[in-house]
């Protein structure tokens, strides 16, 4: 992470703006090559890459519903605490992400996000996909194993 911050600082140090405040760089993810489930990932092989972004907001007690991602997805927790339950090889694994955390989400793995707090959760989501892959696949009839 130090390398990324140093390069960004050098690049930005030549920028001069009307403010006398210094420019700062805070690294979030640096050259991450694995998802939160320790899976390696790769970008879709396509001649038509697509990048999509959105902010997902969950009120207290809200859930995303079981779903999966066919293409790599970066997420940054803007506010709150999100609890995500993944089903990996028939075993449920729950991870908790808090404000300021950046992750690469699991690929092709059923999971459900839930706001288990009394405060709203907001997540910046960036999908690195293609027309051949769905960013999110809802699993309406999915029954997780217990």
Protein backbone atom coordinates (compact mmCIF):
# COMPACT_ATOMS: atom_id res chain seq x y z
CA UNK A 1 0.00 0.00 0.00
CA UNK A 2 2.93 2.30 0.66
CA UNK A 3 3.99 2.08 -3.00
CA UNK A 4 0.57 3.14 -4.27
CA UNK A 5 0.38 6.04 -1.84
CA UNK A 6 3.89 7.24 -2.71
CA UNK A 7 3.22 7.18 -6.46
CA UNK A 8 -0.16 8.89 -6.06
CA UNK A 9 1.37 11.54 -3.81
CA UNK A 10 4.15 12.22 -6.36
CA UNK A 11 1.62 12.50 -9.18
CA UNK A 12 -0.69 14.75 -7.22
CA UNK A 13 2.05 16.93 -5.76
CA UNK A 14 2.37 18.74 -9.08
CA UNK A 15 -1.33 19.66 -8.99
CA UNK A 16 -1.92 23.19 -7.84
CA UNK A 17 -5.38 24.32 -6.85
CA UNK A 18 -6.97 27.35 -5.24
CA UNK A 19 -6.83 25.70 -1.80
CA UNK A 20 -3.77 25.73 0.42
CA UNK A 21 -4.82 22.39 1.92
CA UNK A 22 -2.47 19.56 0.98
CA UNK A 23 -3.65 16.70 -1.18
CA UNK A 24 -3.77 13.39 0.65
CA UNK A 25 -4.14 9.86 -0.65
CA UNK A 26 -5.63 7.04 1.38
CA UNK A 27 -5.12 3.58 -0.08
CA UNK A 28 -8.16 1.29 0.10
CA UNK A 29 -7.18 -1.86 -1.80
CA UNK A 30 -3.74 -2.28 -3.34
CA UNK A 31 -3.10 -4.92 -5.97
CA UNK A 32 -5.49 -7.37 -4.35
CA UNK A 33 -5.63 -10.61 -6.33
CA UNK A 34 -8.10 -12.60 -4.22
CA UNK A 35 -11.71 -12.24 -3.14
CA UNK A 36 -12.88 -12.11 0.48
CA UNK A 37 -13.18 -15.91 0.24
CA UNK A 38 -9.52 -16.22 -0.85
CA UNK A 39 -10.50 -17.11 -4.41
CA UNK A 40 -8.25 -15.87 -7.21
CA UNK A 41 -10.15 -13.79 -9.74
CA UNK A 42 -9.61 -12.53 -13.26
CA UNK A 43 -11.28 -9.96 -15.42
CA UNK A 44 -13.79 -11.21 -17.99
CA UNK A 45 -12.28 -12.17 -21.33
CA UNK A 46 -14.30 -10.00 -23.66
CA UNK A 47 -14.01 -7.43 -26.42
CA UNK A 48 -16.73 -5.38 -24.72
CA UNK A 49 -15.72 -4.72 -21.10
CA UNK A 50 -18.21 -2.88 -18.92
CA UNK A 51 -17.76 -1.03 -15.64
CA UNK A 52 -20.86 -0.26 -13.59
CA UNK A 53 -21.12 1.44 -10.23
CA UNK A 54 -23.87 2.08 -7.73
CA UNK A 55 -24.51 2.85 -4.11
CA UNK A 56 -26.49 0.17 -2.32
CA UNK A 57 -28.31 1.36 0.81
CA UNK A 58 -29.83 -0.97 3.39
CA UNK A 59 -31.99 0.25 6.23
CA UNK A 60 -31.86 -1.39 9.65
CA UNK A 61 -32.74 -5.08 9.34
CA UNK A 62 -32.76 -5.04 5.51
CA UNK A 63 -31.26 -7.90 3.50
CA UNK A 64 -30.00 -8.12 -0.07
CA UNK A 65 -31.52 -11.56 -0.56
CA UNK A 66 -29.47 -14.54 -1.71
CA UNK A 67 -27.56 -13.79 -4.91
CA UNK A 68 -24.20 -14.25 -6.62
CA UNK A 69 -21.87 -12.31 -8.89
CA UNK A 70 -20.57 -13.68 -12.20
CA UNK A 71 -18.02 -10.88 -12.68
CA UNK A 72 -15.51 -9.31 -10.25
CA UNK A 73 -17.08 -6.81 -7.87
CA UNK A 74 -15.33 -4.24 -5.70
CA UNK A 75 -17.21 -2.88 -2.69
CA UNK A 76 -16.42 -0.06 -0.25
CA UNK A 77 -18.46 0.38 2.93
CA UNK A 78 -19.36 4.07 3.05
CA UNK A 79 -21.44 3.90 6.24
CA UNK A 80 -22.53 1.33 8.76
CA UNK A 81 -21.82 -2.36 9.27
CA UNK A 82 -22.78 -5.08 6.79
CA UNK A 83 -22.90 -8.75 7.69
CA UNK A 84 -22.61 -11.12 4.72
CA UNK A 85 -23.27 -14.86 4.90
CA UNK A 86 -21.67 -16.93 2.15
CA UNK A 87 -22.35 -20.57 1.38
CA UNK A 88 -19.06 -22.24 0.51
CA UNK A 89 -19.07 -25.98 -0.18
CA UNK A 90 -22.26 -26.44 1.83
CA UNK A 91 -20.91 -24.50 4.83
CA UNK A 92 -22.13 -21.04 5.84
CA UNK A 93 -19.37 -18.50 6.45
CA UNK A 94 -20.31 -15.09 7.87
CA UNK A 95 -18.09 -12.03 7.52
CA UNK A 96 -18.66 -8.54 8.88
CA UNK A 97 -17.60 -5.41 6.99
CA UNK A 98 -17.53 -1.96 8.58
CA UNK A 99 -17.28 1.64 7.41
CA UNK A 100 -14.03 2.24 5.57
CA UNK A 101 -13.43 -1.36 4.48
CA UNK A 102 -12.80 -2.21 0.83
CA UNK A 103 -13.27 -5.74 -0.51
CA UNK A 104 -13.34 -7.83 -3.64
CA UNK A 105 -16.58 -9.80 -3.33
CA UNK A 106 -16.81 -13.58 -3.77
CA UNK A 107 -17.43 -14.88 -7.30
CA UNK A 108 -20.13 -17.38 -8.22
CA UNK A 109 -20.76 -17.94 -4.50
CA UNK A 110 -24.28 -17.63 -3.09
CA UNK A 111 -24.43 -14.98 -0.38
CA UNK A 112 -26.82 -12.70 1.49
CA UNK A 113 -25.95 -9.29 2.94
CA UNK A 114 -27.79 -8.00 5.98
CA UNK A 115 -27.80 -4.83 8.01
CA UNK A 116 -27.96 -6.19 11.56
CA UNK A 117 -27.60 -2.75 13.15
CA UNK A 118 -29.99 0.10 13.96
CA UNK A 119 -28.22 2.46 11.53
CA UNK A 120 -28.32 2.62 7.72
CA UNK A 121 -25.63 0.88 5.65
CA UNK A 122 -24.32 2.35 2.39
CA UNK A 123 -21.98 0.48 0.06
CA UNK A 124 -20.25 1.72 -3.09
CA UNK A 125 -20.34 -1.17 -5.56
CA UNK A 126 -18.18 -1.31 -8.70
CA UNK A 127 -18.79 -4.19 -11.12
CA UNK A 128 -16.06 -5.13 -13.62
CA UNK A 129 -18.10 -7.10 -16.13
CA UNK A 130 -19.13 -7.68 -19.70
CA UNK A 131 -22.35 -8.14 -21.69
CA UNK A 132 -21.90 -11.93 -21.36
CA UNK A 133 -21.93 -11.89 -17.54
CA UNK A 134 -24.53 -10.72 -15.05
CA UNK A 135 -23.26 -8.36 -12.38
CA UNK A 136 -25.76 -9.79 -9.92
CA UNK A 137 -27.82 -12.97 -10.24
CA UNK A 138 -30.76 -13.08 -7.79
CA UNK A 139 -31.33 -16.55 -6.31
CA UNK A 140 -35.05 -16.24 -5.55
CA UNK A 141 -35.69 -19.90 -4.74
CA UNK A 142 -32.33 -20.53 -3.09
CA UNK A 143 -32.42 -22.52 0.14
CA UNK A 144 -29.11 -22.24 1.99
CA UNK A 145 -27.82 -25.33 3.78
CA UNK A 146 -27.71 -25.11 7.56
